[in-house]
N, C-alpha and C. Protein backbone atom coordinates (compact mmCIF):
# COMPACT_ATOMS: atom_id res chain seq x y z
N MET A 1 108.75 78.61 90.52
CA MET A 1 109.42 79.82 90.94
C MET A 1 109.29 80.86 89.83
N ALA A 2 109.06 82.09 90.23
CA ALA A 2 108.95 83.17 89.26
C ALA A 2 109.50 84.46 89.85
N ILE A 3 110.01 85.26 88.98
CA ILE A 3 110.45 86.59 89.38
C ILE A 3 109.41 87.57 88.85
N ASP A 4 109.04 88.49 89.71
CA ASP A 4 108.01 89.47 89.40
C ASP A 4 108.66 90.85 89.38
N TYR A 5 108.39 91.63 88.36
CA TYR A 5 108.99 92.96 88.23
C TYR A 5 108.03 94.08 88.61
N GLN A 6 106.99 93.79 89.37
CA GLN A 6 106.08 94.84 89.82
C GLN A 6 106.82 95.94 90.59
N PRO A 7 107.79 95.59 91.45
CA PRO A 7 108.53 96.67 92.13
C PRO A 7 109.22 97.62 91.14
N LEU A 8 109.65 97.10 90.00
CA LEU A 8 110.25 97.95 88.97
C LEU A 8 109.23 98.97 88.48
N LEU A 9 108.02 98.50 88.21
CA LEU A 9 106.98 99.41 87.75
C LEU A 9 106.68 100.48 88.81
N ASP A 10 106.69 100.07 90.07
CA ASP A 10 106.43 101.01 91.16
C ASP A 10 107.50 102.10 91.22
N ILE A 11 108.77 101.70 91.15
CA ILE A 11 109.86 102.67 91.24
C ILE A 11 109.90 103.56 89.99
N MET A 12 109.58 102.98 88.83
CA MET A 12 109.52 103.79 87.60
C MET A 12 108.43 104.86 87.74
N GLY A 13 107.30 104.50 88.31
CA GLY A 13 106.22 105.47 88.53
C GLY A 13 106.64 106.58 89.47
N LYS A 14 107.30 106.21 90.57
CA LYS A 14 107.74 107.21 91.55
C LYS A 14 108.76 108.17 90.95
N LYS A 15 109.62 107.65 90.09
CA LYS A 15 110.67 108.47 89.48
C LYS A 15 110.25 109.05 88.13
N LYS A 16 109.00 108.76 87.73
CA LYS A 16 108.45 109.26 86.47
C LYS A 16 109.35 108.91 85.27
N ILE A 17 109.73 107.63 85.20
CA ILE A 17 110.54 107.12 84.10
C ILE A 17 109.69 106.13 83.31
N SER A 18 109.57 106.35 82.01
CA SER A 18 108.75 105.50 81.14
C SER A 18 109.60 104.39 80.53
N TRP A 19 108.91 103.43 79.92
CA TRP A 19 109.61 102.37 79.19
C TRP A 19 110.42 103.00 78.06
N TYR A 20 109.86 103.98 77.40
CA TYR A 20 110.54 104.67 76.31
C TYR A 20 111.84 105.30 76.82
N ARG A 21 111.78 105.92 77.98
CA ARG A 21 112.97 106.54 78.57
C ARG A 21 114.04 105.49 78.89
N LEU A 22 113.61 104.34 79.40
CA LEU A 22 114.57 103.26 79.68
C LEU A 22 115.29 102.85 78.40
N GLU A 23 114.53 102.76 77.30
CA GLU A 23 115.16 102.41 76.02
C GLU A 23 116.19 103.47 75.62
N LYS A 24 115.87 104.72 75.80
CA LYS A 24 116.78 105.81 75.45
C LYS A 24 118.03 105.80 76.34
N LEU A 25 117.90 105.23 77.54
CA LEU A 25 119.02 105.17 78.47
C LEU A 25 119.82 103.88 78.35
N GLY A 26 119.51 103.04 77.33
CA GLY A 26 120.33 101.88 77.06
C GLY A 26 119.73 100.51 77.33
N ILE A 27 118.46 100.45 77.69
CA ILE A 27 117.80 99.16 77.89
C ILE A 27 117.16 98.76 76.55
N ASP A 28 117.61 97.64 75.99
CA ASP A 28 117.16 97.16 74.69
C ASP A 28 115.65 96.95 74.66
N ASN A 29 115.02 97.19 73.50
CA ASN A 29 113.56 97.03 73.40
C ASN A 29 113.11 95.60 73.65
N ARG A 30 113.95 94.61 73.31
CA ARG A 30 113.61 93.20 73.62
C ARG A 30 113.61 92.97 75.12
N THR A 31 114.53 93.62 75.81
CA THR A 31 114.60 93.49 77.27
C THR A 31 113.40 94.15 77.90
N VAL A 32 112.98 95.28 77.38
CA VAL A 32 111.77 95.94 77.88
C VAL A 32 110.58 94.99 77.73
N HIS A 33 110.49 94.32 76.61
CA HIS A 33 109.41 93.33 76.40
C HIS A 33 109.48 92.24 77.47
N GLN A 34 110.69 91.73 77.74
CA GLN A 34 110.85 90.69 78.75
C GLN A 34 110.43 91.19 80.13
N LEU A 35 110.79 92.40 80.46
CA LEU A 35 110.41 92.97 81.75
C LEU A 35 108.89 93.12 81.86
N ARG A 36 108.28 93.60 80.80
CA ARG A 36 106.84 93.83 80.82
C ARG A 36 106.04 92.53 80.94
N HIS A 37 106.67 91.40 80.57
CA HIS A 37 105.99 90.11 80.61
C HIS A 37 106.58 89.16 81.67
N ASN A 38 107.33 89.72 82.62
CA ASN A 38 107.94 88.94 83.71
C ASN A 38 108.77 87.76 83.21
N LEU A 39 109.53 87.97 82.15
CA LEU A 39 110.41 86.94 81.61
C LEU A 39 111.82 87.17 82.15
N ASN A 40 112.70 86.22 81.92
CA ASN A 40 114.07 86.30 82.42
C ASN A 40 114.86 87.43 81.78
N ILE A 41 115.70 88.07 82.60
CA ILE A 41 116.65 89.06 82.12
C ILE A 41 118.01 88.71 82.73
N THR A 42 119.06 89.31 82.21
CA THR A 42 120.40 89.02 82.71
C THR A 42 120.73 89.88 83.94
N THR A 43 121.74 89.43 84.68
CA THR A 43 122.19 90.23 85.81
C THR A 43 122.80 91.54 85.33
N GLY A 44 123.36 91.53 84.13
CA GLY A 44 123.87 92.77 83.55
C GLY A 44 122.77 93.80 83.38
N THR A 45 121.60 93.34 82.94
CA THR A 45 120.45 94.24 82.78
C THR A 45 119.99 94.74 84.14
N ILE A 46 119.98 93.87 85.13
CA ILE A 46 119.59 94.29 86.48
C ILE A 46 120.54 95.39 86.95
N GLY A 47 121.82 95.21 86.67
CA GLY A 47 122.80 96.23 87.03
C GLY A 47 122.54 97.56 86.33
N LYS A 48 122.23 97.51 85.03
CA LYS A 48 121.93 98.74 84.28
C LYS A 48 120.71 99.44 84.86
N LEU A 49 119.67 98.65 85.16
CA LEU A 49 118.45 99.23 85.73
C LEU A 49 118.74 99.89 87.07
N CYS A 50 119.54 99.22 87.90
CA CYS A 50 119.88 99.79 89.21
C CYS A 50 120.66 101.10 89.06
N LYS A 51 121.54 101.15 88.09
CA LYS A 51 122.29 102.39 87.85
C LYS A 51 121.37 103.51 87.38
N ILE A 52 120.50 103.20 86.42
CA ILE A 52 119.57 104.20 85.89
C ILE A 52 118.63 104.70 86.97
N LEU A 53 118.08 103.77 87.76
CA LEU A 53 117.06 104.12 88.76
C LEU A 53 117.64 104.45 90.13
N GLU A 54 118.98 104.33 90.26
CA GLU A 54 119.66 104.60 91.53
C GLU A 54 119.02 103.80 92.66
N CYS A 55 119.05 102.46 92.50
CA CYS A 55 118.42 101.58 93.47
C CYS A 55 119.20 100.28 93.58
N GLN A 56 118.71 99.36 94.37
CA GLN A 56 119.30 98.04 94.57
C GLN A 56 118.42 96.99 93.88
N PRO A 57 118.97 95.81 93.55
CA PRO A 57 118.18 94.78 92.86
C PRO A 57 116.85 94.44 93.56
N GLY A 58 116.87 94.38 94.88
CA GLY A 58 115.65 94.07 95.61
C GLY A 58 114.57 95.13 95.49
N ASP A 59 114.96 96.32 95.00
CA ASP A 59 113.99 97.39 94.79
C ASP A 59 113.22 97.23 93.48
N ILE A 60 113.73 96.37 92.57
CA ILE A 60 113.10 96.26 91.25
C ILE A 60 112.55 94.89 90.92
N LEU A 61 112.82 93.90 91.76
CA LEU A 61 112.27 92.57 91.50
C LEU A 61 111.99 91.86 92.81
N ARG A 62 111.12 90.85 92.72
CA ARG A 62 110.82 90.04 93.89
C ARG A 62 110.57 88.60 93.47
N TYR A 63 110.82 87.70 94.38
CA TYR A 63 110.60 86.28 94.15
C TYR A 63 109.16 85.95 94.51
N ARG A 64 108.52 85.18 93.64
CA ARG A 64 107.15 84.74 93.88
C ARG A 64 107.12 83.23 93.69
N PRO A 65 106.86 82.45 94.75
CA PRO A 65 106.78 81.00 94.60
C PRO A 65 105.72 80.59 93.58
N ASP A 66 105.88 79.41 93.01
CA ASP A 66 104.96 78.92 91.97
C ASP A 66 103.51 78.89 92.41
N ASP A 67 103.25 78.63 93.67
CA ASP A 67 101.87 78.49 94.13
C ASP A 67 101.17 79.82 94.36
N GLU A 68 101.88 80.95 94.18
CA GLU A 68 101.25 82.26 94.31
C GLU A 68 100.91 82.82 92.93
N SER A 69 99.89 83.64 92.87
CA SER A 69 99.51 84.29 91.60
C SER A 69 99.94 85.70 91.57
């Protein structure tokens, strides 16, 4: 099982928000690294991202079964 943050990248592109901007808005640089490499993040971080991007959790992440690439 894996969580994929490609939808986050898509919404960031649509809203013209960079990784740098996310850091300035309170997302820690270690968390940005985790997001960029599809690593685990906390639900608190998901909440912060949703507030910043004015979206729902399903708009920024998706579940990808192990057998998919």
